[in-house]
């Protein structure tokens, strides 16, 4: 089983994500590490209350998987803005935003 990510690795990944892919204008995003028990079967989730988003990531994930889930949840934040026409959690616009965040996070050209 892969080693679980550390608090420092989480903070570094969040800082990098905030730098290369800032929160959409008018939104606030909080990132939290939580127990897998808190998430049930999910590896992470994103909750929206007005213009504030809370992203929760399982502290039991490897560093690589934690980063992947951060990218996924940030894509939800972009997808759930009021200007986005789609309201499906994993609809067509989610794929567009996931690709954008992935490319910025991993430096893919």
Protein backbone atom coordinates (compact mmCIF):
# COMPACT_ATOMS: atom_id res chain seq x y z
CA UNK A 1 0.00 0.00 0.00
CA UNK A 2 1.38 3.45 -0.92
CA UNK A 3 2.47 5.83 1.81
CA UNK A 4 -0.19 8.36 2.89
CA UNK A 5 0.48 11.99 2.01
CA UNK A 6 1.73 14.29 4.75
CA UNK A 7 0.30 17.57 5.99
CA UNK A 8 3.23 19.38 4.36
CA UNK A 9 2.61 17.64 1.01
CA UNK A 10 -1.05 18.64 1.22
CA UNK A 11 -0.21 22.27 1.99
CA UNK A 12 2.35 22.35 -0.83
CA UNK A 13 -0.17 20.92 -3.32
CA UNK A 14 -2.87 23.39 -2.23
CA UNK A 15 -0.44 26.32 -2.48
CA UNK A 16 0.63 25.18 -5.95
CA UNK A 17 -3.01 24.78 -7.03
CA UNK A 18 -3.90 28.26 -5.73
CA UNK A 19 -0.92 29.71 -7.64
CA UNK A 20 -1.47 28.05 -11.03
CA UNK A 21 -5.26 27.91 -10.91
CA UNK A 22 -6.66 30.64 -8.65
CA UNK A 23 -10.23 30.44 -7.43
CA UNK A 24 -12.73 31.97 -9.83
CA UNK A 25 -13.46 35.64 -9.18
CA UNK A 26 -15.89 36.17 -6.35
CA UNK A 27 -15.37 32.77 -4.75
CA UNK A 28 -13.61 31.65 -1.61
CA UNK A 29 -12.20 28.13 -1.31
CA UNK A 30 -11.17 26.28 1.84
CA UNK A 31 -9.23 23.01 1.64
CA UNK A 32 -9.33 20.45 4.46
CA UNK A 33 -7.83 17.03 5.15
CA UNK A 34 -10.39 14.74 6.76
CA UNK A 35 -10.69 11.09 7.75
CA UNK A 36 -11.83 8.60 5.16
CA UNK A 37 -14.71 7.83 7.50
CA UNK A 38 -15.97 11.42 7.11
CA UNK A 39 -16.11 10.97 3.32
CA UNK A 40 -17.73 7.54 3.17
CA UNK A 41 -16.85 5.96 -0.17
CA UNK A 42 -15.57 9.19 -1.75
CA UNK A 43 -11.89 10.15 -1.87
CA UNK A 44 -12.83 13.81 -1.61
CA UNK A 45 -15.74 16.15 -2.07
CA UNK A 46 -16.66 19.75 -2.67
CA UNK A 47 -19.50 21.60 -1.02
CA UNK A 48 -20.84 24.99 -2.04
CA UNK A 49 -22.58 27.53 0.16
CA UNK A 50 -23.26 30.74 -1.75
CA UNK A 51 -19.86 31.80 -3.09
CA UNK A 52 -17.84 29.75 -0.59
CA UNK A 53 -16.56 26.28 -1.41
CA UNK A 54 -15.15 23.71 0.98
CA UNK A 55 -13.00 20.95 -0.48
CA UNK A 56 -12.39 17.92 1.72
CA UNK A 57 -9.70 15.37 0.85
CA UNK A 58 -9.08 12.05 2.58
CA UNK A 59 -5.89 12.09 4.62
CA UNK A 60 -5.49 8.38 3.78
CA UNK A 61 -4.55 9.01 0.13
CA UNK A 62 -1.09 8.76 -1.39
CA UNK A 63 0.49 12.05 -2.50
CA UNK A 64 -0.24 11.33 -6.18
CA UNK A 65 -3.88 10.43 -5.57
CA UNK A 66 -4.37 13.41 -3.22
CA UNK A 67 -3.14 15.74 -5.97
CA UNK A 68 -5.43 14.11 -8.54
CA UNK A 69 -8.44 14.54 -6.23
CA UNK A 70 -7.52 18.20 -5.60
CA UNK A 71 -7.52 18.79 -9.36
CA UNK A 72 -10.88 17.04 -9.67
CA UNK A 73 -12.49 19.08 -6.90
CA UNK A 74 -11.10 22.38 -8.20
CA UNK A 75 -12.66 21.54 -11.57
CA UNK A 76 -16.01 21.27 -9.76
CA UNK A 77 -15.52 24.77 -8.37
CA UNK A 78 -15.04 26.19 -11.85
CA UNK A 79 -17.95 24.13 -13.16
CA UNK A 80 -20.40 25.18 -10.43
CA UNK A 81 -20.05 28.94 -10.87
CA UNK A 82 -23.31 30.73 -11.67
CA UNK A 83 -22.14 31.51 -15.22
CA UNK A 84 -21.72 27.83 -16.06
CA UNK A 85 -24.79 26.54 -17.90
CA UNK A 86 -24.56 22.92 -16.76
CA UNK A 87 -25.87 21.65 -13.42
CA UNK A 88 -24.80 17.99 -13.68
CA UNK A 89 -22.00 17.08 -11.24
CA UNK A 90 -19.97 15.31 -13.96
CA UNK A 91 -21.47 16.78 -17.12
CA UNK A 92 -19.74 17.96 -20.29
CA UNK A 93 -18.48 21.25 -18.87
CA UNK A 94 -16.85 19.40 -15.95
CA UNK A 95 -14.56 17.65 -18.44
CA UNK A 96 -13.50 20.95 -19.94
CA UNK A 97 -12.66 22.43 -16.53
CA UNK A 98 -10.96 19.24 -15.33
CA UNK A 99 -8.68 19.34 -18.37
CA UNK A 100 -7.88 23.03 -17.77
CA UNK A 101 -7.03 22.54 -14.08
CA UNK A 102 -5.05 19.34 -14.81
CA UNK A 103 -2.94 21.08 -17.47
CA UNK A 104 -2.17 24.02 -15.18
CA UNK A 105 -1.45 21.89 -12.11
CA UNK A 106 0.86 19.44 -13.86
CA UNK A 107 2.37 21.93 -16.32
CA UNK A 108 1.05 20.12 -19.39
CA UNK A 109 1.19 22.18 -22.58
